[in-house]
């Protein structure tokens, strides 16, 4: 499923227009992004949690040359599925 598929799914199931569905989906994504950018986490009971985790700086290798390169520390978005989501998949 991609964003377009999600918009169509929401429009059909909520019985709203695709334009309104697109606004709703974009608002949800924007809300999650805003929360993560502030260092918070977005928790949806039964579905899962979006959170930010820190990656330490490390040394890597250039796959072409084999030369060592320094990889800077960074923040990464993570998703941890909730119990209901895990159960529905299995």
PDB file of N, CA and C in Angstrom:
ATOM      1  N   UNK A   1       0.858  -1.175   0.000  1.00  0.00           N
ATOM      2  CA  UNK A   1       0.000   0.000   0.000  1.00  0.00           C
ATOM      3  C   UNK A   1       0.901   1.234   0.000  1.00  0.00           C
ATOM      4  N   UNK A   2       0.567   2.188  -0.841  1.00  0.00           N
ATOM      5  CA  UNK A   2       1.272   3.463  -0.832  1.00  0.00           C
ATOM      6  C   UNK A   2       0.304   4.556  -0.374  1.00  0.00           C
ATOM      7  N   UNK A   3       0.753   5.796  -0.400  1.00  0.00           N
ATOM      8  CA  UNK A   3      -0.071   6.896   0.114  1.00  0.00           C
ATOM      9  C   UNK A   3      -1.370   7.047  -0.672  1.00  0.00           C
ATOM     10  N   UNK A   4      -1.308   6.910  -1.984  1.00  0.00           N
ATOM     11  CA  UNK A   4      -2.502   7.017  -2.822  1.00  0.00           C
ATOM     12  C   UNK A   4      -3.510   5.923  -2.474  1.00  0.00           C
ATOM     13  N   UNK A   5      -3.011   4.709  -2.286  1.00  0.00           N
ATOM     14  CA  UNK A   5      -3.885   3.595  -1.898  1.00  0.00           C
ATOM     15  C   UNK A   5      -4.535   3.866  -0.548  1.00  0.00           C
ATOM     16  N   UNK A   6      -3.759   4.406   0.377  1.00  0.00           N
ATOM     17  CA  UNK A   6      -4.289   4.720   1.705  1.00  0.00           C
ATOM     18  C   UNK A   6      -5.383   5.778   1.624  1.00  0.00           C
ATOM     19  N   UNK A   7      -5.165   6.801   0.818  1.00  0.00           N
ATOM     20  CA  UNK A   7      -6.162   7.865   0.641  1.00  0.00           C
ATOM     21  C   UNK A   7      -7.460   7.288   0.084  1.00  0.00           C
ATOM     22  N   UNK A   8      -7.357   6.424  -0.918  1.00  0.00           N
ATOM     23  CA  UNK A   8      -8.545   5.793  -1.500  1.00  0.00           C
ATOM     24  C   UNK A   8      -9.241   4.894  -0.481  1.00  0.00           C
ATOM     25  N   UNK A   9      -8.480   4.151   0.304  1.00  0.00           N
ATOM     26  CA  UNK A   9      -9.041   3.264   1.323  1.00  0.00           C
ATOM     27  C   UNK A   9      -9.807   4.068   2.375  1.00  0.00           C
ATOM     28  N   UNK A  10      -9.207   5.154   2.848  1.00  0.00           N
ATOM     29  CA  UNK A  10      -9.854   5.996   3.857  1.00  0.00           C
ATOM     30  C   UNK A  10     -11.123   6.622   3.280  1.00  0.00           C
ATOM     31  N   UNK A  11     -11.046   7.123   2.057  1.00  0.00           N
ATOM     32  CA  UNK A  11     -12.209   7.751   1.419  1.00  0.00           C
ATOM     33  C   UNK A  11     -13.372   6.755   1.318  1.00  0.00           C
ATOM     34  N   UNK A  12     -13.064   5.545   0.895  1.00  0.00           N
ATOM     35  CA  UNK A  12     -14.102   4.536   0.722  1.00  0.00           C
ATOM     36  C   UNK A  12     -14.714   4.115   2.058  1.00  0.00           C
ATOM     37  N   UNK A  13     -13.855   3.839   3.055  1.00  0.00           N
ATOM     38  CA  UNK A  13     -14.338   3.337   4.339  1.00  0.00           C
ATOM     39  C   UNK A  13     -14.978   4.406   5.211  1.00  0.00           C
ATOM     40  N   UNK A  14     -14.550   5.650   5.077  1.00  0.00           N
ATOM     41  CA  UNK A  14     -15.141   6.740   5.863  1.00  0.00           C
ATOM     42  C   UNK A  14     -16.274   7.427   5.099  1.00  0.00           C
ATOM     43  N   UNK A  15     -16.469   6.995   3.850  1.00  0.00           N
ATOM     44  CA  UNK A  15     -17.501   7.576   2.976  1.00  0.00           C
ATOM     45  C   UNK A  15     -17.353   9.097   2.884  1.00  0.00           C
ATOM     46  N   UNK A  16     -16.105   9.511   2.565  1.00  0.00           N
ATOM     47  CA  UNK A  16     -15.810  10.922   2.329  1.00  0.00           C
ATOM     48  C   UNK A  16     -15.130  11.048   0.975  1.00  0.00           C
ATOM     49  N   UNK A  17     -14.968  12.273   0.508  1.00  0.00           N
ATOM     50  CA  UNK A  17     -14.336  12.477  -0.794  1.00  0.00           C
ATOM     51  C   UNK A  17     -12.843  12.183  -0.695  1.00  0.00           C
ATOM     52  N   UNK A  18     -12.234  11.920  -1.845  1.00  0.00           N
ATOM     53  CA  UNK A  18     -10.794  11.679  -1.864  1.00  0.00           C
ATOM     54  C   UNK A  18     -10.035  12.933  -1.427  1.00  0.00           C
ATOM     55  N   UNK A  19     -10.564  14.104  -1.760  1.00  0.00           N
ATOM     56  CA  UNK A  19      -9.910  15.354  -1.360  1.00  0.00           C
ATOM     57  C   UNK A  19      -9.892  15.484   0.165  1.00  0.00           C
ATOM     58  N   UNK A  20     -11.022  15.195   0.810  1.00  0.00           N
ATOM     59  CA  UNK A  20     -11.080  15.253   2.268  1.00  0.00           C
ATOM     60  C   UNK A  20     -10.214  14.156   2.893  1.00  0.00           C
ATOM     61  N   UNK A  21     -10.205  12.999   2.268  1.00  0.00           N
ATOM     62  CA  UNK A  21      -9.390  11.900   2.749  1.00  0.00           C
ATOM     63  C   UNK A  21      -7.906  12.258   2.670  1.00  0.00           C
ATOM     64  N   UNK A  22      -7.506  12.889   1.581  1.00  0.00           N
ATOM     65  CA  UNK A  22      -6.112  13.290   1.417  1.00  0.00           C
ATOM     66  C   UNK A  22      -5.712  14.294   2.496  1.00  0.00           C
ATOM     67  N   UNK A  23      -6.602  15.238   2.802  1.00  0.00           N
ATOM     68  CA  UNK A  23      -6.328  16.210   3.864  1.00  0.00           C
ATOM     69  C   UNK A  23      -6.159  15.507   5.210  1.00  0.00           C
ATOM     70  N   UNK A  24      -7.006  14.527   5.485  1.00  0.00           N
ATOM     71  CA  UNK A  24      -6.942  13.798   6.751  1.00  0.00           C
ATOM     72  C   UNK A  24      -5.646  12.992   6.855  1.00  0.00           C
ATOM     73  N   UNK A  25      -5.299  12.276   5.801  1.00  0.00           N
ATOM     74  CA  UNK A  25      -4.078  11.464   5.803  1.00  0.00           C
ATOM     75  C   UNK A  25      -2.854  12.362   5.952  1.00  0.00           C
ATOM     76  N   UNK A  26      -2.821  13.463   5.218  1.00  0.00           N
ATOM     77  CA  UNK A  26      -1.694  14.391   5.325  1.00  0.00           C
ATOM     78  C   UNK A  26      -1.594  14.982   6.730  1.00  0.00           C
ATOM     79  N   UNK A  27      -2.729  15.272   7.354  1.00  0.00           N
ATOM     80  CA  UNK A  27      -2.729  15.823   8.709  1.00  0.00           C
ATOM     81  C   UNK A  27      -2.171  14.803   9.707  1.00  0.00           C
ATOM     82  N   UNK A  28      -2.531  13.542   9.545  1.00  0.00           N
ATOM     83  CA  UNK A  28      -2.009  12.502  10.432  1.00  0.00           C
ATOM     84  C   UNK A  28      -0.492  12.384  10.269  1.00  0.00           C
ATOM     85  N   UNK A  29      -0.021  12.325   9.033  1.00  0.00           N
ATOM     86  CA  UNK A  29       1.419  12.228   8.786  1.00  0.00           C
ATOM     87  C   UNK A  29       2.154  13.443   9.343  1.00  0.00           C
ATOM     88  N   UNK A  30       1.569  14.617   9.148  1.00  0.00           N
ATOM     89  CA  UNK A  30       2.187  15.847   9.639  1.00  0.00           C
ATOM     90  C   UNK A  30       2.252  15.845  11.161  1.00  0.00           C
ATOM     91  N   UNK A  31       1.195  15.370  11.815  1.00  0.00           N
ATOM     92  CA  UNK A  31       1.176  15.295  13.271  1.00  0.00           C
ATOM     93  C   UNK A  31       2.240  14.356  13.809  1.00  0.00           C
ATOM     94  N   UNK A  32       2.378  13.191  13.202  1.00  0.00           N
ATOM     95  CA  UNK A  32       3.395  12.229  13.622  1.00  0.00           C
ATOM     96  C   UNK A  32       4.782  12.815  13.405  1.00  0.00           C
ATOM     97  N   UNK A  33       5.013  13.406  12.239  1.00  0.00           N
ATOM     98  CA  UNK A  33       6.313  14.003  11.921  1.00  0.00           C
ATOM     99  C   UNK A  33       6.665  15.112  12.894  1.00  0.00           C
ATOM    100  N   UNK A  34       5.700  15.966  13.201  1.00  0.00           N
ATOM    101  CA  UNK A  34       5.922  17.073  14.131  1.00  0.00           C
ATOM    102  C   UNK A  34       6.303  16.547  15.519  1.00  0.00           C
ATOM    103  N   UNK A  35       5.583  15.544  15.987  1.00  0.00           N
ATOM    104  CA  UNK A  35       5.861  14.963  17.299  1.00  0.00           C
ATOM    105  C   UNK A  35       7.257  14.351  17.347  1.00  0.00           C
ATOM    106  N   UNK A  36       7.626  13.602  16.312  1.00  0.00           N
ATOM    107  CA  UNK A  36       8.946  12.972  16.281  1.00  0.00           C
ATOM    108  C   UNK A  36      10.056  14.008  16.184  1.00  0.00           C
ATOM    109  N   UNK A  37       9.828  15.074  15.439  1.00  0.00           N
ATOM    110  CA  UNK A  37      10.860  16.110  15.286  1.00  0.00           C
ATOM    111  C   UNK A  37      11.126  16.828  16.605  1.00  0.00           C
ATOM    112  N   UNK A  38      10.157  16.821  17.508  1.00  0.00           N
ATOM    113  CA  UNK A  38      10.321  17.428  18.839  1.00  0.00           C
ATOM    114  C   UNK A  38      10.893  16.430  19.848  1.00  0.00           C
ATOM    115  N   UNK A  39      11.173  15.208  19.403  1.00  0.00           N
ATOM    116  CA  UNK A  39      11.744  14.194  20.282  1.00  0.00           C
ATOM    117  C   UNK A  39      10.717  13.356  21.010  1.00  0.00           C
ATOM    118  N   UNK A  40       9.451  13.540  20.702  1.00  0.00           N
ATOM    119  CA  UNK A  40       8.388  12.780  21.357  1.00  0.00           C
ATOM    120  C   UNK A  40       8.115  11.467  20.655  1.00  0.00           C
ATOM    121  N   UNK A  41       7.067  10.815  21.085  1.00  0.00           N
ATOM    122  CA  UNK A  41       6.656   9.580  20.417  1.00  0.00           C
ATOM    123  C   UNK A  41       5.151   9.622  20.168  1.00  0.00           C
ATOM    124  N   UNK A  42       4.740   8.987  19.093  1.00  0.00           N
ATOM    125  CA  UNK A  42       3.327   8.916  18.712  1.00  0.00           C
ATOM    126  C   UNK A  42       2.856   7.502  19.011  1.00  0.00           C
ATOM    127  N   UNK A  43       1.973   7.368  20.005  1.00  0.00           N
ATOM    128  CA  UNK A  43       1.520   6.068  20.485  1.00  0.00           C
ATOM    129  C   UNK A  43       0.065   5.856  20.094  1.00  0.00           C
ATOM    130  N   UNK A  44      -0.207   4.762  19.407  1.00  0.00           N
ATOM    131  CA  UNK A  44      -1.564   4.415  18.995  1.00  0.00           C
ATOM    132  C   UNK A  44      -1.873   3.037  19.575  1.00  0.00           C
ATOM    133  N   UNK A  45      -2.668   3.013  20.640  1.00  0.00           N
ATOM    134  CA  UNK A  45      -2.943   1.778  21.365  1.00  0.00           C
ATOM    135  C   UNK A  45      -3.489   0.726  20.411  1.00  0.00           C
ATOM    136  N   UNK A  46      -2.895  -0.445  20.462  1.00  0.00           N
ATOM    137  CA  UNK A  46      -3.307  -1.551  19.605  1.00  0.00           C
ATOM    138  C   UNK A  46      -2.623  -1.556  18.260  1.00  0.00           C
ATOM    139  N   UNK A  47      -2.196  -0.388  17.780  1.00  0.00           N
ATOM    140  CA  UNK A  47      -1.535  -0.326  16.480  1.00  0.00           C
ATOM    141  C   UNK A  47      -0.027  -0.332  16.637  1.00  0.00           C
ATOM    142  N   UNK A  48       0.506   0.631  17.374  1.00  0.00           N
ATOM    143  CA  UNK A  48       1.944   0.666  17.577  1.00  0.00           C
ATOM    144  C   UNK A  48       2.428   2.042  17.977  1.00  0.00           C
ATOM    145  N   UNK A  49       3.753   2.163  18.084  1.00  0.00           N
ATOM    146  CA  UNK A  49       4.373   3.394  18.537  1.00  0.00           C
ATOM    147  C   UNK A  49       5.473   3.819  17.571  1.00  0.00           C
ATOM    148  N   UNK A  50       5.423   5.086  17.180  1.00  0.00           N
ATOM    149  CA  UNK A  50       6.492   5.694  16.406  1.00  0.00           C
ATOM    150  C   UNK A  50       7.358   6.457  17.396  1.00  0.00           C
ATOM    151  N   UNK A  51       8.669   6.251  17.354  1.00  0.00           N
ATOM    152  CA  UNK A  51       9.570   6.934  18.274  1.00  0.00           C
ATOM    153  C   UNK A  51      10.887   7.226  17.558  1.00  0.00           C
ATOM    154  N   UNK A  52      11.670   8.107  18.170  1.00  0.00           N
ATOM    155  CA  UNK A  52      12.978   8.458  17.625  1.00  0.00           C
ATOM    156  C   UNK A  52      14.033   7.728  18.441  1.00  0.00           C
ATOM    157  N   UNK A  53      14.992   7.126  17.752  1.00  0.00           N
ATOM    158  CA  UNK A  53      16.116   6.528  18.461  1.00  0.00           C
ATOM    159  C   UNK A  53      17.396   7.132  17.902  1.00  0.00           C
ATOM    160  N   UNK A  54      18.417   7.134  18.721  1.00  0.00           N
ATOM    161  CA  UNK A  54      19.699   7.734  18.343  1.00  0.00           C
ATOM    162  C   UNK A  54      20.641   6.654  17.848  1.00  0.00           C
ATOM    163  N   UNK A  55      21.344   6.955  16.781  1.00  0.00           N
ATOM    164  CA  UNK A  55      22.399   6.076  16.287  1.00  0.00           C
ATOM    165  C   UNK A  55      23.728   6.727  16.615  1.00  0.00           C
ATOM    166  N   UNK A  56      24.630   5.967  17.167  1.00  0.00           N
ATOM    167  CA  UNK A  56      25.957   6.488  17.498  1.00  0.00           C
ATOM    168  C   UNK A  56      26.785   6.624  16.219  1.00  0.00           C
ATOM    169  N   UNK A  57      27.789   7.492  16.289  1.00  0.00           N
ATOM    170  CA  UNK A  57      28.739   7.599  15.179  1.00  0.00           C
ATOM    171  C   UNK A  57      29.495   6.281  15.091  1.00  0.00           C
ATOM    172  N   UNK A  58      29.847   5.899  13.891  1.00  0.00           N
ATOM    173  CA  UNK A  58      30.540   4.625  13.716  1.00  0.00           C
ATOM    174  C   UNK A  58      31.417   4.677  12.468  1.00  0.00           C
ATOM    175  N   UNK A  59      32.232   3.669  12.325  1.00  0.00           N
ATOM    176  CA  UNK A  59      33.095   3.556  11.160  1.00  0.00           C
ATOM    177  C   UNK A  59      32.486   2.525  10.214  1.00  0.00           C
ATOM    178  N   UNK A  60      32.410   2.897   8.936  1.00  0.00           N
ATOM    179  CA  UNK A  60      31.874   1.983   7.933  1.00  0.00           C
ATOM    180  C   UNK A  60      32.892   1.759   6.838  1.00  0.00           C
ATOM    181  N   UNK A  61      32.489   1.081   5.811  1.00  0.00           N
ATOM    182  CA  UNK A  61      33.385   0.823   4.676  1.00  0.00           C
ATOM    183  C   UNK A  61      32.692   1.197   3.378  1.00  0.00           C
ATOM    184  N   UNK A  62      33.438   1.814   2.500  1.00  0.00           N
ATOM    185  CA  UNK A  62      32.964   2.100   1.153  1.00  0.00           C
ATOM    186  C   UNK A  62      32.925   0.767   0.412  1.00  0.00           C
ATOM    187  N   UNK A  63      31.749   0.322  -0.081  1.00  0.00           N
ATOM    188  CA  UNK A  63      31.675  -0.994  -0.722  1.00  0.00           C
ATOM    189  C   UNK A  63      32.505  -1.113  -1.995  1.00  0.00           C
ATOM    190  N   UNK A  64      32.742  -0.007  -2.676  1.00  0.00           N
ATOM    191  CA  UNK A  64      33.532  -0.072  -3.923  1.00  0.00           C
ATOM    192  C   UNK A  64      35.017  -0.185  -3.658  1.00  0.00           C
ATOM    193  N   UNK A  65      35.514   0.648  -2.738  1.00  0.00           N
ATOM    194  CA  UNK A  65      36.961   0.711  -2.533  1.00  0.00           C
ATOM    195  C   UNK A  65      37.421  -0.035  -1.287  1.00  0.00           C
ATOM    196  N   UNK A  66      36.525  -0.285  -0.369  1.00  0.00           N
ATOM    197  CA  UNK A  66      36.902  -0.938   0.878  1.00  0.00           C
ATOM    198  C   UNK A  66      37.498   0.027   1.883  1.00  0.00           C
ATOM    199  N   UNK A  67      37.595   1.306   1.512  1.00  0.00           N
ATOM    200  CA  UNK A  67      38.172   2.306   2.408  1.00  0.00           C
ATOM    201  C   UNK A  67      37.235   2.582   3.576  1.00  0.00           C
ATOM    202  N   UNK A  68      37.830   2.834   4.738  1.00  0.00           N
ATOM    203  CA  UNK A  68      37.033   3.160   5.912  1.00  0.00           C
ATOM    204  C   UNK A  68      36.483   4.574   5.785  1.00  0.00           C
ATOM    205  N   UNK A  69      35.235   4.747   6.230  1.00  0.00           N
ATOM    206  CA  UNK A  69      34.621   6.075   6.252  1.00  0.00           C
ATOM    207  C   UNK A  69      33.964   6.273   7.613  1.00  0.00           C
ATOM    208  N   UNK A  70      33.883   7.522   8.030  1.00  0.00           N
ATOM    209  CA  UNK A  70      33.221   7.836   9.294  1.00  0.00           C
ATOM    210  C   UNK A  70      31.758   8.137   8.996  1.00  0.00           C
ATOM    211  N   UNK A  71      30.869   7.503   9.748  1.00  0.00           N
ATOM    212  CA  UNK A  71      29.436   7.733   9.617  1.00  0.00           C
ATOM    213  C   UNK A  71      29.008   8.509  10.852  1.00  0.00           C
ATOM    214  N   UNK A  72      28.431   9.688  10.629  1.00  0.00           N
ATOM    215  CA  UNK A  72      28.056  10.575  11.725  1.00  0.00           C
ATOM    216  C   UNK A  72      26.883  10.009  12.532  1.00  0.00           C
ATOM    217  N   UNK A  73      26.778  10.454  13.773  1.00  0.00           N
ATOM    218  CA  UNK A  73      25.638  10.098  14.609  1.00  0.00           C
ATOM    219  C   UNK A  73      24.376  10.688  13.988  1.00  0.00           C
ATOM    220  N   UNK A  74      23.249  10.020  14.178  1.00  0.00           N
ATOM    221  CA  UNK A  74      22.000  10.519  13.605  1.00  0.00           C
ATOM    222  C   UNK A  74      20.805  10.036  14.424  1.00  0.00           C
ATOM    223  N   UNK A  75      19.680  10.640  14.169  1.00  0.00           N
ATOM    224  CA  UNK A  75      18.417  10.220  14.771  1.00  0.00           C
ATOM    225  C   UNK A  75      17.605   9.495  13.712  1.00  0.00           C
ATOM    226  N   UNK A  76      16.924   8.420  14.127  1.00  0.00           N
ATOM    227  CA  UNK A  76      16.187   7.588  13.185  1.00  0.00           C
ATOM    228  C   UNK A  76      14.781   7.339  13.716  1.00  0.00           C
ATOM    229  N   UNK A  77      13.789   7.393  12.843  1.00  0.00           N
ATOM    230  CA  UNK A  77      12.416   7.071  13.229  1.00  0.00           C
ATOM    231  C   UNK A  77      12.275   5.552  13.290  1.00  0.00           C
ATOM    232  N   UNK A  78      11.635   5.078  14.350  1.00  0.00           N
ATOM    233  CA  UNK A  78      11.402   3.638  14.534  1.00  0.00           C
ATOM    234  C   UNK A  78       9.920   3.400  14.753  1.00  0.00           C
ATOM    235  N   UNK A  79       9.476   2.206  14.378  1.00  0.00           N
ATOM    236  CA  UNK A  79       8.090   1.810  14.631  1.00  0.00           C
ATOM    237  C   UNK A  79       8.105   0.500  15.385  1.00  0.00           C
ATOM    238  N   UNK A  80       7.356   0.453  16.479  1.00  0.00           N
ATOM    239  CA  UNK A  80       7.219  -0.759  17.271  1.00  0.00           C
ATOM    240  C   UNK A  80       5.747  -1.156  17.229  1.00  0.00           C
ATOM    241  N   UNK A  81       5.415  -2.271  16.582  1.00  0.00           N
ATOM    242  CA  UNK A  81       4.001  -2.669  16.456  1.00  0.00           C
ATOM    243  C   UNK A  81       3.381  -3.024  17.798  1.00  0.00           C
ATOM    244  N   UNK A  82       2.086  -2.719  17.921  1.00  0.00           N
ATOM    245  CA  UNK A  82       1.323  -3.056  19.121  1.00  0.00           C
ATOM    246  C   UNK A  82       0.823  -4.488  19.077  1.00  0.00           C
ATOM    247  N   UNK A  83       0.293  -4.959  20.193  1.00  0.00           N
ATOM    248  CA  UNK A  83      -0.159  -6.350  20.306  1.00  0.00           C
ATOM    249  C   UNK A  83      -1.262  -6.694  19.306  1.00  0.00           C
ATOM    250  N   UNK A  84      -2.261  -5.820  19.169  1.00  0.00           N
ATOM    251  CA  UNK A  84      -3.369  -6.120  18.246  1.00  0.00           C
ATOM    252  C   UNK A  84      -2.878  -6.224  16.805  1.00  0.00           C
ATOM    253  N   UNK A  85      -1.935  -5.372  16.412  1.00  0.00           N
ATOM    254  CA  UNK A  85      -1.382  -5.436  15.056  1.00  0.00           C
ATOM    255  C   UNK A  85      -0.614  -6.736  14.866  1.00  0.00           C
ATOM    256  N   UNK A  86       0.209  -7.086  15.847  1.00  0.00           N
ATOM    257  CA  UNK A  86       0.961  -8.345  15.762  1.00  0.00           C
ATOM    258  C   UNK A  86       0.014  -9.537  15.654  1.00  0.00           C
ATOM    259  N   UNK A  87      -1.036  -9.529  16.490  1.00  0.00           N
ATOM    260  CA  UNK A  87      -1.985 -10.652  16.485  1.00  0.00           C
ATOM    261  C   UNK A  87      -2.735 -10.746  15.169  1.00  0.00           C
ATOM    262  N   UNK A  88      -3.091  -9.609  14.570  1.00  0.00           N
ATOM    263  CA  UNK A  88      -3.849  -9.644  13.316  1.00  0.00           C
ATOM    264  C   UNK A  88      -3.002 -10.142  12.145  1.00  0.00           C
ATOM    265  N   UNK A  89      -1.704  -9.971  12.235  1.00  0.00           N
ATOM    266  CA  UNK A  89      -0.804 -10.438  11.173  1.00  0.00           C
ATOM    267  C   UNK A  89      -0.576 -11.936  11.294  1.00  0.00           C
ATOM    268  N   UNK A  90      -0.471 -12.403  12.518  1.00  0.00           N
ATOM    269  CA  UNK A  90      -0.174 -13.833  12.753  1.00  0.00           C
ATOM    270  C   UNK A  90      -1.431 -14.570  12.814  1.00  0.00           C
TER     271      UNK A  90
END
